[in-house]
């Protein structure tokens, strides 16, 4: 069974930051959180950041999916501007 589970690749999910991320920040606002697992890791500016929760906003941020916030596991070690590309893979 382990081999079957290990061979399943999750679909890559991506969106952009809706506001800037500061070094030391603990949340990441996204234009869309549609399809993001409830916890995991994302790449921001080439750095992997882990998150433990996804909070959804009521609007769709103009992206066709719900905007929201990822709660980071630890303070961010990277800064990124609004509009920066963020991906799960």
N, C-alpha and C. Protein backbone atom coordinates (compact mmCIF):
# COMPACT_ATOMS: atom_id res chain seq x y z
N UNK A 1 0.82 -1.20 0.00
CA UNK A 1 0.00 0.00 0.00
C UNK A 1 0.86 1.25 0.00
N UNK A 2 1.97 1.23 0.74
CA UNK A 2 2.83 2.40 0.83
C UNK A 2 3.30 2.85 -0.56
N UNK A 3 3.68 1.92 -1.41
CA UNK A 3 4.14 2.27 -2.75
C UNK A 3 3.08 2.99 -3.55
N UNK A 4 1.83 2.56 -3.41
CA UNK A 4 0.74 3.21 -4.13
C UNK A 4 0.54 4.63 -3.62
N UNK A 5 0.53 4.81 -2.32
CA UNK A 5 0.35 6.14 -1.74
C UNK A 5 1.52 7.04 -2.10
N UNK A 6 2.75 6.53 -2.05
CA UNK A 6 3.92 7.33 -2.38
C UNK A 6 3.92 7.78 -3.83
N UNK A 7 3.30 6.99 -4.71
CA UNK A 7 3.33 7.32 -6.12
C UNK A 7 2.26 8.33 -6.52
N UNK A 8 1.32 8.63 -5.64
CA UNK A 8 0.27 9.60 -5.94
C UNK A 8 0.84 11.01 -5.77
N UNK A 9 0.78 11.79 -6.82
CA UNK A 9 1.30 13.15 -6.77
C UNK A 9 0.13 14.11 -6.64
N UNK A 10 0.22 15.00 -5.67
CA UNK A 10 -0.83 16.01 -5.53
C UNK A 10 -0.72 17.01 -6.68
N UNK A 11 -1.87 17.50 -7.10
CA UNK A 11 -1.89 18.52 -8.14
C UNK A 11 -1.31 19.82 -7.60
N UNK A 12 -0.49 20.46 -8.39
CA UNK A 12 0.09 21.74 -7.98
C UNK A 12 -1.00 22.81 -7.97
N UNK A 13 -1.01 23.61 -6.93
CA UNK A 13 -1.98 24.69 -6.79
C UNK A 13 -1.17 25.99 -6.64
N UNK A 14 -1.62 27.05 -7.28
CA UNK A 14 -0.89 28.31 -7.18
C UNK A 14 -1.84 29.49 -7.19
N UNK A 15 -1.37 30.60 -6.67
CA UNK A 15 -2.06 31.88 -6.73
C UNK A 15 -1.04 32.95 -6.41
N UNK A 16 -1.49 34.16 -6.17
CA UNK A 16 -0.58 35.25 -5.86
C UNK A 16 -0.93 35.86 -4.51
N UNK A 17 0.06 36.51 -3.90
CA UNK A 17 -0.19 37.21 -2.64
C UNK A 17 -1.06 38.43 -2.91
N UNK A 18 -2.08 38.65 -2.08
CA UNK A 18 -2.93 39.83 -2.24
C UNK A 18 -2.39 41.01 -1.44
N UNK A 19 -1.45 40.75 -0.54
CA UNK A 19 -0.74 41.81 0.17
C UNK A 19 0.67 41.32 0.43
N UNK A 20 1.56 42.22 0.77
CA UNK A 20 2.96 41.83 0.95
C UNK A 20 3.15 40.93 2.17
N UNK A 21 4.19 40.13 2.11
CA UNK A 21 4.59 39.25 3.21
C UNK A 21 5.90 39.78 3.75
N UNK A 22 5.96 40.02 5.05
CA UNK A 22 7.16 40.55 5.69
C UNK A 22 7.94 39.44 6.37
N UNK A 23 9.26 39.63 6.48
CA UNK A 23 10.05 38.72 7.29
C UNK A 23 9.49 38.80 8.70
N UNK A 24 9.21 37.67 9.30
CA UNK A 24 8.61 37.64 10.64
C UNK A 24 7.10 37.55 10.61
N UNK A 25 6.48 37.70 9.43
CA UNK A 25 5.03 37.61 9.32
C UNK A 25 4.54 36.20 9.61
N UNK A 26 3.32 36.08 10.10
CA UNK A 26 2.77 34.76 10.45
C UNK A 26 1.53 34.38 9.63
N UNK A 27 1.09 35.27 8.74
CA UNK A 27 -0.03 34.95 7.85
C UNK A 27 0.31 35.42 6.44
N UNK A 28 -0.33 34.78 5.48
CA UNK A 28 -0.11 35.10 4.08
C UNK A 28 -1.47 35.27 3.41
N UNK A 29 -1.82 36.49 3.01
CA UNK A 29 -3.09 36.76 2.33
C UNK A 29 -2.95 36.39 0.87
N UNK A 30 -3.95 35.66 0.34
CA UNK A 30 -3.88 35.15 -1.02
C UNK A 30 -5.08 35.62 -1.81
N UNK A 31 -4.89 35.84 -3.13
CA UNK A 31 -6.01 36.16 -4.00
C UNK A 31 -6.99 35.00 -4.08
N UNK A 32 -6.47 33.78 -4.01
CA UNK A 32 -7.32 32.60 -4.04
C UNK A 32 -6.67 31.49 -3.22
N UNK A 33 -7.45 30.83 -2.40
CA UNK A 33 -6.98 29.67 -1.65
C UNK A 33 -7.71 28.40 -2.12
N UNK A 34 -8.45 28.53 -3.20
CA UNK A 34 -9.18 27.38 -3.74
C UNK A 34 -8.20 26.26 -4.08
N UNK A 35 -8.49 25.07 -3.61
CA UNK A 35 -7.66 23.91 -3.91
C UNK A 35 -6.49 23.69 -2.98
N UNK A 36 -6.20 24.64 -2.10
CA UNK A 36 -5.08 24.46 -1.18
C UNK A 36 -5.48 23.49 -0.07
N UNK A 37 -4.62 22.51 0.24
CA UNK A 37 -4.89 21.62 1.36
C UNK A 37 -5.00 22.42 2.66
N UNK A 38 -5.60 21.85 3.69
CA UNK A 38 -5.77 22.56 4.96
C UNK A 38 -4.45 22.83 5.68
N UNK A 39 -3.42 22.11 5.32
CA UNK A 39 -2.07 22.39 5.84
C UNK A 39 -1.07 21.85 4.83
N UNK A 40 0.16 22.34 4.90
CA UNK A 40 1.16 21.88 3.95
C UNK A 40 2.30 22.87 3.82
N UNK A 41 2.86 22.91 2.63
CA UNK A 41 3.99 23.81 2.36
C UNK A 41 3.75 24.52 1.04
N UNK A 42 4.25 25.74 0.95
CA UNK A 42 4.18 26.52 -0.28
C UNK A 42 5.56 27.10 -0.56
N UNK A 43 5.80 27.44 -1.81
CA UNK A 43 7.04 28.11 -2.20
C UNK A 43 6.73 29.57 -2.44
N UNK A 44 7.50 30.44 -1.79
CA UNK A 44 7.38 31.88 -1.94
C UNK A 44 8.79 32.41 -2.18
N UNK A 45 9.01 33.08 -3.30
CA UNK A 45 10.33 33.64 -3.62
C UNK A 45 11.43 32.58 -3.47
N UNK A 46 11.11 31.35 -3.89
CA UNK A 46 12.09 30.27 -3.85
C UNK A 46 12.31 29.64 -2.49
N UNK A 47 11.57 30.07 -1.48
CA UNK A 47 11.70 29.54 -0.13
C UNK A 47 10.45 28.75 0.26
N UNK A 48 10.65 27.60 0.89
CA UNK A 48 9.52 26.79 1.35
C UNK A 48 9.05 27.31 2.70
N UNK A 49 7.75 27.54 2.82
CA UNK A 49 7.13 27.94 4.07
C UNK A 49 6.01 26.96 4.37
N UNK A 50 5.91 26.50 5.60
CA UNK A 50 4.83 25.59 5.97
C UNK A 50 3.69 26.37 6.60
N UNK A 51 2.49 25.83 6.43
CA UNK A 51 1.31 26.47 7.02
C UNK A 51 0.44 25.41 7.68
N UNK A 52 -0.35 25.84 8.66
CA UNK A 52 -1.16 24.91 9.44
C UNK A 52 -2.66 25.12 9.28
N UNK A 53 -3.07 26.18 8.62
CA UNK A 53 -4.50 26.45 8.50
C UNK A 53 -4.78 27.34 7.29
N UNK A 54 -5.99 27.21 6.76
CA UNK A 54 -6.48 28.05 5.68
C UNK A 54 -7.77 28.69 6.14
N UNK A 55 -7.86 30.01 6.06
CA UNK A 55 -9.09 30.73 6.39
C UNK A 55 -9.63 31.33 5.10
N UNK A 56 -10.91 31.10 4.82
CA UNK A 56 -11.53 31.59 3.60
C UNK A 56 -12.30 32.87 3.85
N UNK A 57 -12.19 33.82 2.89
CA UNK A 57 -13.01 35.02 2.92
C UNK A 57 -14.27 34.75 2.12
N UNK A 58 -15.27 35.60 2.28
CA UNK A 58 -16.54 35.41 1.57
C UNK A 58 -16.45 35.79 0.10
N UNK A 59 -15.56 36.70 -0.25
CA UNK A 59 -15.48 37.14 -1.65
C UNK A 59 -14.57 36.20 -2.44
N UNK A 60 -14.53 36.39 -3.75
CA UNK A 60 -13.67 35.55 -4.58
C UNK A 60 -12.41 36.28 -5.01
N UNK A 61 -12.19 37.49 -4.52
CA UNK A 61 -10.98 38.25 -4.86
C UNK A 61 -10.84 38.54 -6.34
N UNK A 62 -11.92 38.35 -7.10
CA UNK A 62 -11.87 38.57 -8.53
C UNK A 62 -11.14 37.47 -9.28
N UNK A 63 -10.86 36.35 -8.62
CA UNK A 63 -10.07 35.29 -9.22
C UNK A 63 -10.89 34.07 -9.59
N UNK A 64 -12.15 34.04 -9.23
CA UNK A 64 -12.97 32.88 -9.49
C UNK A 64 -12.88 31.84 -8.38
N UNK A 65 -12.11 32.11 -7.36
CA UNK A 65 -12.00 31.22 -6.21
C UNK A 65 -11.97 32.06 -4.96
N UNK A 66 -12.24 31.47 -3.80
CA UNK A 66 -12.29 32.26 -2.57
C UNK A 66 -10.91 32.80 -2.17
N UNK A 67 -10.88 34.08 -1.81
CA UNK A 67 -9.63 34.62 -1.28
C UNK A 67 -9.52 34.15 0.16
N UNK A 68 -8.36 34.29 0.75
CA UNK A 68 -8.19 33.84 2.11
C UNK A 68 -6.78 34.03 2.62
N UNK A 69 -6.53 33.41 3.76
CA UNK A 69 -5.26 33.58 4.47
C UNK A 69 -4.72 32.22 4.87
N UNK A 70 -3.42 32.01 4.68
CA UNK A 70 -2.74 30.83 5.18
C UNK A 70 -2.04 31.23 6.47
N UNK A 71 -2.18 30.44 7.53
CA UNK A 71 -1.49 30.69 8.80
C UNK A 71 -0.19 29.90 8.79
N UNK A 72 0.93 30.61 8.87
CA UNK A 72 2.24 29.97 8.80
C UNK A 72 2.58 29.24 10.09
N UNK A 73 3.32 28.14 9.96
CA UNK A 73 3.76 27.35 11.10
C UNK A 73 4.73 28.14 11.97
N UNK A 74 5.60 28.91 11.34
CA UNK A 74 6.59 29.74 12.04
C UNK A 74 6.67 31.07 11.33
N UNK A 75 7.30 32.04 11.96
CA UNK A 75 7.46 33.36 11.35
C UNK A 75 8.19 33.23 10.02
N UNK A 76 7.74 33.98 9.04
CA UNK A 76 8.32 33.93 7.70
C UNK A 76 9.79 34.33 7.70
N UNK A 77 10.57 33.61 6.92
CA UNK A 77 11.98 33.94 6.77
C UNK A 77 12.23 34.69 5.47
N UNK A 78 11.16 35.00 4.76
CA UNK A 78 11.28 35.64 3.46
C UNK A 78 10.28 36.79 3.35
N UNK A 79 10.64 37.82 2.59
CA UNK A 79 9.72 38.92 2.30
C UNK A 79 9.33 38.81 0.83
N UNK A 80 8.07 39.14 0.53
CA UNK A 80 7.60 39.12 -0.84
C UNK A 80 6.54 40.20 -1.02
N UNK A 81 6.52 40.78 -2.20
CA UNK A 81 5.56 41.85 -2.50
C UNK A 81 4.21 41.28 -2.90
N UNK A 82 3.18 42.10 -2.75
CA UNK A 82 1.86 41.73 -3.25
C UNK A 82 1.99 41.39 -4.73
N UNK A 83 1.32 40.35 -5.15
CA UNK A 83 1.40 39.91 -6.53
C UNK A 83 2.44 38.82 -6.74
N UNK A 84 3.22 38.51 -5.72
CA UNK A 84 4.23 37.44 -5.84
C UNK A 84 3.55 36.11 -6.03
N UNK A 85 4.11 35.28 -6.87
CA UNK A 85 3.57 33.96 -7.20
C UNK A 85 3.87 32.99 -6.05
N UNK A 86 2.86 32.23 -5.65
CA UNK A 86 2.99 31.24 -4.57
C UNK A 86 2.43 29.91 -5.08
N UNK A 87 3.14 28.82 -4.84
CA UNK A 87 2.71 27.53 -5.35
C UNK A 87 2.93 26.42 -4.31
N UNK A 88 2.15 25.36 -4.43
CA UNK A 88 2.32 24.21 -3.53
C UNK A 88 3.38 23.26 -4.05
N UNK A 89 3.78 23.39 -5.28
CA UNK A 89 4.72 22.43 -5.83
C UNK A 89 5.90 23.08 -6.39
